[in-house]
PDB file of N, CA and C in Angstrom:
ATOM      1  N   MET A   1      61.203  56.620  84.370  1.00  0.00           N
ATOM      2  CA  MET A   1      61.313  57.519  83.263  1.00  0.00           C
ATOM      3  C   MET A   1      61.056  58.961  83.698  1.00  0.00           C
ATOM      4  N   GLU A   2      60.121  59.162  84.646  1.00  0.00           N
ATOM      5  CA  GLU A   2      59.838  60.510  85.137  1.00  0.00           C
ATOM      6  C   GLU A   2      61.033  61.078  85.885  1.00  0.00           C
ATOM      7  N   ASP A   3      61.754  60.235  86.635  1.00  0.00           N
ATOM      8  CA  ASP A   3      62.934  60.711  87.359  1.00  0.00           C
ATOM      9  C   ASP A   3      63.986  61.252  86.399  1.00  0.00           C
ATOM     10  N   LEU A   4      64.171  60.577  85.297  1.00  0.00           N
ATOM     11  CA  LEU A   4      65.130  61.024  84.297  1.00  0.00           C
ATOM     12  C   LEU A   4      64.700  62.369  83.699  1.00  0.00           C
ATOM     13  N   TYR A   5      63.422  62.537  83.459  1.00  0.00           N
ATOM     14  CA  TYR A   5      62.877  63.784  82.918  1.00  0.00           C
ATOM     15  C   TYR A   5      63.084  64.938  83.898  1.00  0.00           C
ATOM     16  N   ILE A   6      62.853  64.704  85.182  1.00  0.00           N
ATOM     17  CA  ILE A   6      63.034  65.747  86.209  1.00  0.00           C
ATOM     18  C   ILE A   6      64.490  66.160  86.297  1.00  0.00           C
ATOM     19  N   TRP A   7      65.411  65.199  86.295  1.00  0.00           N
ATOM     20  CA  TRP A   7      66.827  65.512  86.351  1.00  0.00           C
ATOM     21  C   TRP A   7      67.280  66.243  85.094  1.00  0.00           C
ATOM     22  N   ALA A   8      66.714  65.907  83.952  1.00  0.00           N
ATOM     23  CA  ALA A   8      67.074  66.570  82.695  1.00  0.00           C
ATOM     24  C   ALA A   8      66.688  68.042  82.724  1.00  0.00           C
ATOM     25  N   ILE A   9      65.697  68.406  83.500  1.00  0.00           N
ATOM     26  CA  ILE A   9      65.278  69.804  83.632  1.00  0.00           C
ATOM     27  C   ILE A   9      66.040  70.494  84.768  1.00  0.00           C
ATOM     28  N   LEU A  10      66.226  69.806  85.882  1.00  0.00           N
ATOM     29  CA  LEU A  10      66.857  70.416  87.063  1.00  0.00           C
ATOM     30  C   LEU A  10      68.344  70.718  86.856  1.00  0.00           C
ATOM     31  N   ILE A  11      69.060  69.860  86.183  1.00  0.00           N
ATOM     32  CA  ILE A  11      70.504  70.070  86.003  1.00  0.00           C
ATOM     33  C   ILE A  11      70.785  71.337  85.198  1.00  0.00           C
ATOM     34  N   PRO A  12      70.170  71.574  84.039  1.00  0.00           N
ATOM     35  CA  PRO A  12      70.433  72.842  83.327  1.00  0.00           C
ATOM     36  C   PRO A  12      70.007  74.070  84.125  1.00  0.00           C
ATOM     37  N   ILE A  13      68.886  73.964  84.856  1.00  0.00           N
ATOM     38  CA  ILE A  13      68.449  75.085  85.685  1.00  0.00           C
ATOM     39  C   ILE A  13      69.483  75.372  86.777  1.00  0.00           C
ATOM     40  N   ALA A  14      70.016  74.339  87.388  1.00  0.00           N
ATOM     41  CA  ALA A  14      71.036  74.503  88.428  1.00  0.00           C
ATOM     42  C   ALA A  14      72.303  75.128  87.858  1.00  0.00           C
ATOM     43  N   ILE A  15      72.703  74.702  86.668  1.00  0.00           N
ATOM     44  CA  ILE A  15      73.907  75.256  86.030  1.00  0.00           C
ATOM     45  C   ILE A  15      73.714  76.749  85.741  1.00  0.00           C
ATOM     46  N   VAL A  16      72.569  77.121  85.200  1.00  0.00           N
ATOM     47  CA  VAL A  16      72.283  78.533  84.920  1.00  0.00           C
ATOM     48  C   VAL A  16      72.264  79.340  86.212  1.00  0.00           C
ATOM     49  N   PHE A  17      71.675  78.809  87.259  1.00  0.00           N
ATOM     50  CA  PHE A  17      71.632  79.491  88.556  1.00  0.00           C
ATOM     51  C   PHE A  17      73.035  79.723  89.096  1.00  0.00           C
ATOM     52  N   VAL A  18      73.896  78.713  89.021  1.00  0.00           N
ATOM     53  CA  VAL A  18      75.275  78.842  89.514  1.00  0.00           C
ATOM     54  C   VAL A  18      76.033  79.888  88.697  1.00  0.00           C
ATOM     55  N   LEU A  19      75.840  79.921  87.382  1.00  0.00           N
ATOM     56  CA  LEU A  19      76.510  80.919  86.549  1.00  0.00           C
ATOM     57  C   LEU A  19      76.049  82.340  86.885  1.00  0.00           C
ATOM     58  N   ILE A  20      74.757  82.507  87.075  1.00  0.00           N
ATOM     59  CA  ILE A  20      74.231  83.826  87.450  1.00  0.00           C
ATOM     60  C   ILE A  20      74.785  84.258  88.802  1.00  0.00           C
ATOM     61  N   LEU A  21      74.848  83.339  89.734  1.00  0.00           N
ATOM     62  CA  LEU A  21      75.394  83.633  91.060  1.00  0.00           C
ATOM     63  C   LEU A  21      76.871  84.012  90.965  1.00  0.00           C
ATOM     64  N   ALA A  22      77.651  83.311  90.143  1.00  0.00           N
ATOM     65  CA  ALA A  22      79.072  83.615  89.972  1.00  0.00           C
ATOM     66  C   ALA A  22      79.264  85.014  89.379  1.00  0.00           C
ATOM     67  N   VAL A  23      78.459  85.371  88.394  1.00  0.00           N
ATOM     68  CA  VAL A  23      78.559  86.703  87.784  1.00  0.00           C
ATOM     69  C   VAL A  23      78.192  87.781  88.803  1.00  0.00           C
ATOM     70  N   ALA A  24      77.171  87.559  89.594  1.00  0.00           N
ATOM     71  CA  ALA A  24      76.764  88.528  90.618  1.00  0.00           C
ATOM     72  C   ALA A  24      77.869  88.728  91.650  1.00  0.00           C
ATOM     73  N   ILE A  25      78.521  87.656  92.054  1.00  0.00           N
ATOM     74  CA  ILE A  25      79.618  87.761  93.033  1.00  0.00           C
ATOM     75  C   ILE A  25      80.785  88.532  92.426  1.00  0.00           C
ATOM     76  N   LYS A  26      81.125  88.256  91.166  1.00  0.00           N
ATOM     77  CA  LYS A  26      82.225  88.955  90.508  1.00  0.00           C
ATOM     78  C   LYS A  26      81.934  90.455  90.410  1.00  0.00           C
ATOM     79  N   ILE A  27      80.708  90.804  90.066  1.00  0.00           N
ATOM     80  CA  ILE A  27      80.331  92.221  89.985  1.00  0.00           C
ATOM     81  C   ILE A  27      80.442  92.886  91.360  1.00  0.00           C
ATOM     82  N   ALA A  28      80.010  92.198  92.395  1.00  0.00           N
ATOM     83  CA  ALA A  28      80.080  92.747  93.750  1.00  0.00           C
ATOM     84  C   ALA A  28      81.531  92.964  94.179  1.00  0.00           C
ATOM     85  N   ILE A  29      82.398  92.031  93.874  1.00  0.00           N
ATOM     86  CA  ILE A  29      83.817  92.165  94.243  1.00  0.00           C
ATOM     87  C   ILE A  29      84.449  93.328  93.483  1.00  0.00           C
ATOM     88  N   THR A  30      84.171  93.439  92.189  1.00  0.00           N
ATOM     89  CA  THR A  30      84.717  94.531  91.379  1.00  0.00           C
ATOM     90  C   THR A  30      84.238  95.885  91.902  1.00  0.00           C
ATOM     91  N   TYR A  31      82.977  95.989  92.229  1.00  0.00           N
ATOM     92  CA  TYR A  31      82.414  97.231  92.748  1.00  0.00           C
ATOM     93  C   TYR A  31      83.082  97.613  94.071  1.00  0.00           C
ATOM     94  N   THR A  32      83.275  96.645  94.940  1.00  0.00           N
ATOM     95  CA  THR A  32      83.921  96.906  96.232  1.00  0.00           C
ATOM     96  C   THR A  32      85.352  97.373  96.039  1.00  0.00           C
ATOM     97  N   ARG A  33      86.077  96.760  95.117  1.00  0.00           N
ATOM     98  CA  ARG A  33      87.461  97.177  94.849  1.00  0.00           C
ATOM     99  C   ARG A  33      87.501  98.604  94.317  1.00  0.00           C
ATOM    100  N   ARG A  34      86.566  98.961  93.449  1.00  0.00           N
ATOM    101  CA  ARG A  34      86.543 100.320  92.912  1.00  0.00           C
ATOM    102  C   ARG A  34      86.299 101.335  94.009  1.00  0.00           C
ATOM    103  N   ILE A  35      85.416 101.022  94.930  1.00  0.00           N
ATOM    104  CA  ILE A  35      85.140 101.936  96.041  1.00  0.00           C
ATOM    105  C   ILE A  35      86.395 102.107  96.890  1.00  0.00           C
ATOM    106  N   LYS A  36      87.089 101.004  97.185  1.00  0.00           N
ATOM    107  CA  LYS A  36      88.315 101.084  97.988  1.00  0.00           C
ATOM    108  C   LYS A  36      89.376 101.900  97.271  1.00  0.00           C
ATOM    109  N   LEU A  37      89.544 101.682  95.948  1.00  0.00           N
ATOM    110  CA  LEU A  37      90.516 102.449  95.183  1.00  0.00           C
ATOM    111  C   LEU A  37      90.166 103.930  95.164  1.00  0.00           C
ATOM    112  N   ALA A  38      88.905 104.242  95.009  1.00  0.00           N
ATOM    113  CA  ALA A  38      88.476 105.636  95.001  1.00  0.00           C
ATOM    114  C   ALA A  38      88.772 106.302  96.337  1.00  0.00           C
ATOM    115  N   ASN A  39      88.535 105.596  97.439  1.00  0.00           N
ATOM    116  CA  ASN A  39      88.826 106.151  98.761  1.00  0.00           C
ATOM    117  C   ASN A  39      90.314 106.368  98.942  1.00  0.00           C
ATOM    118  N   ASN A  40      91.140 105.413  98.491  1.00  0.00           N
ATOM    119  CA  ASN A  40      92.584 105.561  98.612  1.00  0.00           C
ATOM    120  C   ASN A  40      93.087 106.709  97.759  1.00  0.00           C
ATOM    121  N   GLU A  41      92.549 106.865  96.540  1.00  0.00           N
ATOM    122  CA  GLU A  41      92.968 107.956  95.677  1.00  0.00           C
ATOM    123  C   GLU A  41      92.596 109.301  96.280  1.00  0.00           C
ATOM    124  N   SER A  42      91.454 109.403  96.915  1.00  0.00           N
ATOM    125  CA  SER A  42      91.058 110.683  97.497  1.00  0.00           C
ATOM    126  C   SER A  42      91.970 111.050  98.657  1.00  0.00           C
ATOM    127  N   GLU A  43      92.439 110.045  99.415  1.00  0.00           N
ATOM    128  CA  GLU A  43      93.384 110.334 100.496  1.00  0.00           C
ATOM    129  C   GLU A  43      94.706 110.821  99.924  1.00  0.00           C
ATOM    130  N   VAL A  44      95.164 110.177  98.851  1.00  0.00           N
ATOM    131  CA  VAL A  44      96.402 110.596  98.193  1.00  0.00           C
ATOM    132  C   VAL A  44      96.232 111.986  97.603  1.00  0.00           C
ATOM    133  N   ASP A  45      95.067 112.265  97.000  1.00  0.00           N
ATOM    134  CA  ASP A  45      94.806 113.564  96.408  1.00  0.00           C
ATOM    135  C   ASP A  45      94.851 114.674  97.444  1.00  0.00           C
ATOM    136  N   VAL A  46      94.313 114.436  98.623  1.00  0.00           N
ATOM    137  CA  VAL A  46      94.328 115.451  99.681  1.00  0.00           C
ATOM    138  C   VAL A  46      95.770 115.730 100.099  1.00  0.00           C
ATOM    139  N   GLU A  47      96.553 114.701 100.214  1.00  0.00           N
ATOM    140  CA  GLU A  47      97.964 114.876 100.586  1.00  0.00           C
ATOM    141  C   GLU A  47      98.708 115.643  99.495  1.00  0.00           C
ATOM    142  N   LEU A  48      98.483 115.279  98.239  1.00  0.00           N
ATOM    143  CA  LEU A  48      99.120 115.977  97.121  1.00  0.00           C
ATOM    144  C   LEU A  48      98.656 117.422  97.057  1.00  0.00           C
ATOM    145  N   GLN A  49      97.369 117.652  97.296  1.00  0.00           N
ATOM    146  CA  GLN A  49      96.821 118.998  97.287  1.00  0.00           C
ATOM    147  C   GLN A  49      97.523 119.876  98.318  1.00  0.00           C
ATOM    148  N   GLU A  50      97.682 119.358  99.525  1.00  0.00           N
ATOM    149  CA  GLU A  50      98.355 120.125 100.581  1.00  0.00           C
ATOM    150  C   GLU A  50      99.794 120.440 100.211  1.00  0.00           C
ATOM    151  N   LYS A  51     100.499 119.463  99.635  1.00  0.00           N
ATOM    152  CA  LYS A  51     101.893 119.681  99.247  1.00  0.00           C
ATOM    153  C   LYS A  51     102.010 120.724  98.139  1.00  0.00           C
ATOM    154  N   LEU A  52     101.100 120.649  97.157  1.00  0.00           N
ATOM    155  CA  LEU A  52     101.135 121.615  96.060  1.00  0.00           C
ATOM    156  C   LEU A  52     100.843 123.030  96.547  1.00  0.00           C
ATOM    157  N   ILE A  53      99.830 123.171  97.369  1.00  0.00           N
ATOM    158  CA  ILE A  53      99.475 124.499  97.879  1.00  0.00           C
ATOM    159  C   ILE A  53     100.613 125.066  98.716  1.00  0.00           C
ATOM    160  N   THR A  54     101.235 124.218  99.514  1.00  0.00           N
ATOM    161  CA  THR A  54     102.390 124.653 100.306  1.00  0.00           C
ATOM    162  C   THR A  54     103.541 125.058  99.399  1.00  0.00           C
ATOM    163  N   ALA A  55     103.770 124.310  98.318  1.00  0.00           N
ATOM    164  CA  ALA A  55     104.861 124.623  97.397  1.00  0.00           C
ATOM    165  C   ALA A  55     104.642 125.961  96.695  1.00  0.00           C
ATOM    166  N   PHE A  56     103.391 126.348  96.493  1.00  0.00           N
ATOM    167  CA  PHE A  56     103.106 127.652  95.888  1.00  0.00           C
ATOM    168  C   PHE A  56     103.040 128.763  96.929  1.00  0.00           C
ATOM    169  N   GLY A  57     103.347 128.475  98.174  1.00  0.00           N
ATOM    170  CA  GLY A  57     103.416 129.495  99.215  1.00  0.00           C
ATOM    171  C   GLY A  57     102.173 129.589 100.070  1.00  0.00           C
ATOM    172  N   GLY A  58     101.295 128.624  99.974  1.00  0.00           N
ATOM    173  CA  GLY A  58     100.081 128.626 100.791  1.00  0.00           C
ATOM    174  C   GLY A  58      98.888 129.167 100.022  1.00  0.00           C
ATOM    175  N   ARG A  59      97.708 128.846 100.514  1.00  0.00           N
ATOM    176  CA  ARG A  59      96.458 129.245  99.848  1.00  0.00           C
ATOM    177  C   ARG A  59      96.356 130.765  99.723  1.00  0.00           C
ATOM    178  N   GLU A  60      96.791 131.489 100.753  1.00  0.00           N
ATOM    179  CA  GLU A  60      96.686 132.949 100.724  1.00  0.00           C
ATOM    180  C   GLU A  60      97.663 133.578  99.728  1.00  0.00           C
ATOM    181  N   ASN A  61      98.672 132.839  99.286  1.00  0.00           N
ATOM    182  CA  ASN A  61      99.637 133.353  98.325  1.00  0.00           C
ATOM    183  C   ASN A  61      99.174 133.157  96.876  1.00  0.00           C
ATOM    184  N   ILE A  62      98.230 132.252  96.655  1.00  0.00           N
ATOM    185  CA  ILE A  62      97.751 131.960  95.303  1.00  0.00           C
ATOM    186  C   ILE A  62      96.631 132.935  94.936  1.00  0.00           C
ATOM    187  N   ILE A  63      96.829 133.672  93.856  1.00  0.00           N
ATOM    188  CA  ILE A  63      95.814 134.609  93.375  1.00  0.00           C
ATOM    189  C   ILE A  63      94.873 133.900  92.409  1.00  0.00           C
ATOM    190  N   SER A  64      95.462 133.216  91.419  1.00  0.00           N
ATOM    191  CA  SER A  64      94.644 132.513  90.426  1.00  0.00           C
ATOM    192  C   SER A  64      95.421 131.341  89.846  1.00  0.00           C
ATOM    193  N   VAL A  65      94.668 130.416  89.257  1.00  0.00           N
ATOM    194  CA  VAL A  65      95.253 129.217  88.649  1.00  0.00           C
ATOM    195  C   VAL A  65      94.633 129.041  87.273  1.00  0.00           C
ATOM    196  N   TYR A  66      95.490 128.814  86.264  1.00  0.00           N
ATOM    197  CA  TYR A  66      95.022 128.566  84.902  1.00  0.00           C
ATOM    198  C   TYR A  66      95.586 127.242  84.410  1.00  0.00           C
ATOM    199  N   HIS A  67      94.802 126.558  83.607  1.00  0.00           N
ATOM    200  CA  HIS A  67      95.199 125.276  83.051  1.00  0.00           C
ATOM    201  C   HIS A  67      95.299 125.414  81.549  1.00  0.00           C
ATOM    202  N   GLU A  68      96.454 125.100  80.984  1.00  0.00           N
ATOM    203  CA  GLU A  68      96.670 125.201  79.533  1.00  0.00           C
ATOM    204  C   GLU A  68      97.308 123.897  79.054  1.00  0.00           C
ATOM    205  N   MET A  69      96.492 123.003  78.535  1.00  0.00           N
ATOM    206  CA  MET A  69      96.959 121.699  78.038  1.00  0.00           C
ATOM    207  C   MET A  69      97.765 120.974  79.123  1.00  0.00           C
ATOM    208  N   SER A  70      99.078 120.917  78.968  1.00  0.00           N
ATOM    209  CA  SER A  70      99.897 120.174  79.926  1.00  0.00           C
ATOM    210  C   SER A  70     100.623 121.095  80.901  1.00  0.00           C
ATOM    211  N   ARG A  71     100.202 122.347  80.921  1.00  0.00           N
ATOM    212  CA  ARG A  71     100.891 123.333  81.757  1.00  0.00           C
ATOM    213  C   ARG A  71      99.910 124.017  82.695  1.00  0.00           C
ATOM    214  N   LEU A  72     100.418 124.389  83.835  1.00  0.00           N
ATOM    215  CA  LEU A  72      99.637 125.082  84.845  1.00  0.00           C
ATOM    216  C   LEU A  72     100.271 126.445  85.073  1.00  0.00           C
ATOM    217  N   THR A  73      99.478 127.493  85.088  1.00  0.00           N
ATOM    218  CA  THR A  73      99.975 128.831  85.389  1.00  0.00           C
ATOM    219  C   THR A  73      99.325 129.294  86.679  1.00  0.00           C
ATOM    220  N   VAL A  74     100.163 129.592  87.659  1.00  0.00           N
ATOM    221  CA  VAL A  74      99.676 130.024  88.965  1.00  0.00           C
ATOM    222  C   VAL A  74     100.205 131.432  89.224  1.00  0.00           C
ATOM    223  N   LYS A  75      99.297 132.362  89.444  1.00  0.00           N
ATOM    224  CA  LYS A  75      99.673 133.742  89.775  1.00  0.00           C
ATOM    225  C   LYS A  75      99.726 133.831  91.295  1.00  0.00           C
ATOM    226  N   VAL A  76     100.863 134.297  91.823  1.00  0.00           N
ATOM    227  CA  VAL A  76     101.062 134.356  93.275  1.00  0.00           C
ATOM    228  C   VAL A  76     101.285 135.797  93.723  1.00  0.00           C
ATOM    229  N   ASN A  77     100.995 136.040  94.999  1.00  0.00           N
ATOM    230  CA  ASN A  77     101.245 137.365  95.585  1.00  0.00           C
ATOM    231  C   ASN A  77     102.731 137.617  95.771  1.00  0.00           C
ATOM    232  N   ASP A  78     103.409 136.660  96.405  1.00  0.00           N
ATOM    233  CA  ASP A  78     104.819 136.810  96.755  1.00  0.00           C
ATOM    234  C   ASP A  78     105.588 135.613  96.209  1.00  0.00           C
ATOM    235  N   LEU A  79     106.438 135.866  95.239  1.00  0.00           N
ATOM    236  CA  LEU A  79     107.196 134.805  94.587  1.00  0.00           C
ATOM    237  C   LEU A  79     108.200 134.149  95.533  1.00  0.00           C
ATOM    238  N   THR A  80     108.665 134.887  96.532  1.00  0.00           N
ATOM    239  CA  THR A  80     109.664 134.330  97.447  1.00  0.00           C
ATOM    240  C   THR A  80     109.082 133.247  98.350  1.00  0.00           C
ATOM    241  N   LYS A  81     107.771 133.204  98.511  1.00  0.00           N
ATOM    242  CA  LYS A  81     107.137 132.163  99.330  1.00  0.00           C
ATOM    243  C   LYS A  81     107.018 130.837  98.592  1.00  0.00           C
ATOM    244  N   ALA A  82     107.105 130.862  97.258  1.00  0.00           N
ATOM    245  CA  ALA A  82     106.979 129.644  96.464  1.00  0.00           C
ATOM    246  C   ALA A  82     108.282 128.846  96.520  1.00  0.00           C
ATOM    247  N   ASN A  83     108.157 127.527  96.558  1.00  0.00           N
ATOM    248  CA  ASN A  83     109.302 126.630  96.607  1.00  0.00           C
ATOM    249  C   ASN A  83     109.375 125.877  95.284  1.00  0.00           C
ATOM    250  N   LEU A  84     110.206 126.365  94.370  1.00  0.00           N
ATOM    251  CA  LEU A  84     110.293 125.791  93.028  1.00  0.00           C
ATOM    252  C   LEU A  84     110.900 124.391  93.042  1.00  0.00           C
ATOM    253  N   GLU A  85     111.816 124.145  93.941  1.00  0.00           N
ATOM    254  CA  GLU A  85     112.408 122.800  94.044  1.00  0.00           C
ATOM    255  C   GLU A  85     111.360 121.778  94.493  1.00  0.00           C
ATOM    256  N   GLU A  86     110.488 122.200  95.385  1.00  0.00           N
ATOM    257  CA  GLU A  86     109.416 121.311  95.845  1.00  0.00           C
ATOM    258  C   GLU A  86     108.455 121.006  94.694  1.00  0.00           C
ATOM    259  N   LEU A  87     108.181 121.995  93.859  1.00  0.00           N
ATOM    260  CA  LEU A  87     107.323 121.773  92.697  1.00  0.00           C
ATOM    261  C   LEU A  87     107.936 120.744  91.752  1.00  0.00           C
ATOM    262  N   LYS A  88     109.258 120.824  91.570  1.00  0.00           N
ATOM    263  CA  LYS A  88     109.939 119.829  90.725  1.00  0.00           C
ATOM    264  C   LYS A  88     109.819 118.433  91.326  1.00  0.00           C
ATOM    265  N   SER A  89     109.948 118.351  92.640  1.00  0.00           N
ATOM    266  CA  SER A  89     109.843 117.032  93.282  1.00  0.00           C
ATOM    267  C   SER A  89     108.414 116.493  93.230  1.00  0.00           C
ATOM    268  N   LEU A  90     107.424 117.367  93.052  1.00  0.00           N
ATOM    269  CA  LEU A  90     106.029 116.940  92.949  1.00  0.00           C
ATOM    270  C   LEU A  90     105.619 116.609  91.514  1.00  0.00           C
ATOM    271  N   GLY A  91     106.575 116.706  90.581  1.00  0.00           N
ATOM    272  CA  GLY A  91     106.296 116.259  89.226  1.00  0.00           C
ATOM    273  C   GLY A  91     106.369 117.308  88.143  1.00  0.00           C
ATOM    274  N   ALA A  92     106.713 118.529  88.491  1.00  0.00           N
ATOM    275  CA  ALA A  92     106.825 119.574  87.467  1.00  0.00           C
ATOM    276  C   ALA A  92     108.040 119.282  86.597  1.00  0.00           C
ATOM    277  N   THR A  93     107.821 119.137  85.290  1.00  0.00           N
ATOM    278  CA  THR A  93     108.929 118.810  84.388  1.00  0.00           C
ATOM    279  C   THR A  93     109.698 120.057  83.960  1.00  0.00           C
ATOM    280  N   GLY A  94     109.046 121.197  84.027  1.00  0.00           N
ATOM    281  CA  GLY A  94     109.705 122.451  83.707  1.00  0.00           C
ATOM    282  C   GLY A  94     108.987 123.590  84.404  1.00  0.00           C
ATOM    283  N   ILE A  95     109.757 124.575  84.848  1.00  0.00           N
ATOM    284  CA  ILE A  95     109.166 125.710  85.561  1.00  0.00           C
ATOM    285  C   ILE A  95     109.683 126.992  84.927  1.00  0.00           C
ATOM    286  N   LEU A  96     108.757 127.892  84.605  1.00  0.00           N
ATOM    287  CA  LEU A  96     109.097 129.183  84.037  1.00  0.00           C
ATOM    288  C   LEU A  96     108.452 130.243  84.917  1.00  0.00           C
ATOM    289  N   VAL A  97     109.264 131.209  85.360  1.00  0.00           N
ATOM    290  CA  VAL A  97     108.755 132.280  86.210  1.00  0.00           C
ATOM    291  C   VAL A  97     108.749 133.572  85.396  1.00  0.00           C
ATOM    292  N   MET A  98     107.577 134.196  85.322  1.00  0.00           N
ATOM    293  CA  MET A  98     107.427 135.465  84.603  1.00  0.00           C
ATOM    294  C   MET A  98     106.673 136.427  85.509  1.00  0.00           C
ATOM    295  N   GLY A  99     107.376 137.362  86.099  1.00  0.00           N
ATOM    296  CA  GLY A  99     106.748 138.277  87.056  1.00  0.00           C
ATOM    297  C   GLY A  99     106.278 137.477  88.261  1.00  0.00           C
ATOM    298  N   ASN A 100     104.988 137.530  88.542  1.00  0.00           N
ATOM    299  CA  ASN A 100     104.426 136.750  89.642  1.00  0.00           C
ATOM    300  C   ASN A 100     103.695 135.504  89.139  1.00  0.00           C
ATOM    301  N   ASP A 101     103.893 135.150  87.873  1.00  0.00           N
ATOM    302  CA  ASP A 101     103.305 133.942  87.307  1.00  0.00           C
ATOM    303  C   ASP A 101     104.325 132.811  87.339  1.00  0.00           C
ATOM    304  N   ILE A 102     103.892 131.669  87.833  1.00  0.00           N
ATOM    305  CA  ILE A 102     104.724 130.468  87.820  1.00  0.00           C
ATOM    306  C   ILE A 102     104.061 129.493  86.853  1.00  0.00           C
ATOM    307  N   LYS A 103     104.763 129.174  85.764  1.00  0.00           N
ATOM    308  CA  LYS A 103     104.249 128.228  84.775  1.00  0.00           C
ATOM    309  C   LYS A 103     104.983 126.911  84.966  1.00  0.00           C
ATOM    310  N   CYS A 104     104.200 125.854  85.224  1.00  0.00           N
ATOM    311  CA  CYS A 104     104.778 124.538  85.492  1.00  0.00           C
ATOM    312  C   CYS A 104     104.234 123.528  84.502  1.00  0.00           C
ATOM    313  N   GLY A 105     105.117 122.758  83.897  1.00  0.00           N
ATOM    314  CA  GLY A 105     104.691 121.666  83.027  1.00  0.00           C
ATOM    315  C   GLY A 105     104.469 120.411  83.856  1.00  0.00           C
ATOM    316  N   PHE A 106     103.270 119.854  83.793  1.00  0.00           N
ATOM    317  CA  PHE A 106     102.954 118.635  84.532  1.00  0.00           C
ATOM    318  C   PHE A 106     102.512 117.492  83.612  1.00  0.00           C
ATOM    319  N   GLY A 107     102.613 117.693  82.298  1.00  0.00           N
ATOM    320  CA  GLY A 107     102.227 116.638  81.367  1.00  0.00           C
ATOM    321  C   GLY A 107     100.745 116.310  81.482  1.00  0.00           C
ATOM    322  N   ASP A 108     100.437 115.020  81.439  1.00  0.00           N
ATOM    323  CA  ASP A 108      99.031 114.603  81.483  1.00  0.00           C
ATOM    324  C   ASP A 108      98.411 114.744  82.870  1.00  0.00           C
ATOM    325  N   GLN A 109      99.198 115.091  83.871  1.00  0.00           N
ATOM    326  CA  GLN A 109      98.688 115.301  85.233  1.00  0.00           C
ATOM    327  C   GLN A 109      98.244 116.745  85.473  1.00  0.00           C
ATOM    328  N   ALA A 110      98.433 117.615  84.496  1.00  0.00           N
ATOM    329  CA  ALA A 110      98.142 119.042  84.679  1.00  0.00           C
ATOM    330  C   ALA A 110      96.678 119.296  85.021  1.00  0.00           C
ATOM    331  N   GLU A 111      95.769 118.632  84.349  1.00  0.00           N
ATOM    332  CA  GLU A 111      94.349 118.859  84.619  1.00  0.00           C
ATOM    333  C   GLU A 111      93.981 118.401  86.029  1.00  0.00           C
ATOM    334  N   LYS A 112      94.509 117.262  86.447  1.00  0.00           N
ATOM    335  CA  LYS A 112      94.241 116.752  87.797  1.00  0.00           C
ATOM    336  C   LYS A 112      94.771 117.724  88.840  1.00  0.00           C
ATOM    337  N   ILE A 113      95.981 118.220  88.629  1.00  0.00           N
ATOM    338  CA  ILE A 113      96.592 119.152  89.578  1.00  0.00           C
ATOM    339  C   ILE A 113      95.819 120.475  89.593  1.00  0.00           C
ATOM    340  N   TYR A 114      95.361 120.903  88.419  1.00  0.00           N
ATOM    341  CA  TYR A 114      94.552 122.118  88.360  1.00  0.00           C
ATOM    342  C   TYR A 114      93.300 121.972  89.222  1.00  0.00           C
ATOM    343  N   LYS A 115      92.631 120.844  89.101  1.00  0.00           N
ATOM    344  CA  LYS A 115      91.409 120.625  89.887  1.00  0.00           C
ATOM    345  C   LYS A 115      91.712 120.570  91.379  1.00  0.00           C
ATOM    346  N   LEU A 116      92.909 120.128  91.743  1.00  0.00           N
ATOM    347  CA  LEU A 116      93.256 120.046  93.168  1.00  0.00           C
ATOM    348  C   LEU A 116      93.502 121.422  93.780  1.00  0.00           C
ATOM    349  N   ILE A 117      94.096 122.336  93.022  1.00  0.00           N
ATOM    350  CA  ILE A 117      94.485 123.599  93.650  1.00  0.00           C
ATOM    351  C   ILE A 117      93.690 124.805  93.208  1.00  0.00           C
ATOM    352  N   LYS A 118      92.739 124.629  92.281  1.00  0.00           N
ATOM    353  CA  LYS A 118      91.975 125.808  91.847  1.00  0.00           C
ATOM    354  C   LYS A 118      91.191 126.391  93.022  1.00  0.00           C
ATOM    355  N   ILE A 119      90.994 127.671  92.958  1.00  0.00           N
ATOM    356  CA  ILE A 119      90.329 128.367  94.058  1.00  0.00           C
ATOM    357  C   ILE A 119      88.844 128.428  93.789  1.00  0.00           C
TER     358      ILE A 119
END
């Protein structure tokens, strides 16, 4: 009778232990995946940052950057150094040039792009 009592206690304890262990493993795997994704995104961001800065004519050509909802306004020294076709290929949906200001529509990516190229 005592053996039955011991097993009646040990089995539920073992089940709870296995469930806790499974949850801990799942959390660890999810955390590791997030770290890997974050590292991959930062590598992509650096590449995108370099392409955007080059498309605006280089860091020395950019005077200032403004973010307005879904649009980015970049004031440049020399407009001829900017590559508007490259900006379109990087996701600009519309480009308006006013003097030395280049206004680019980037939709919901505008804030991310602003953070990448702001001085």
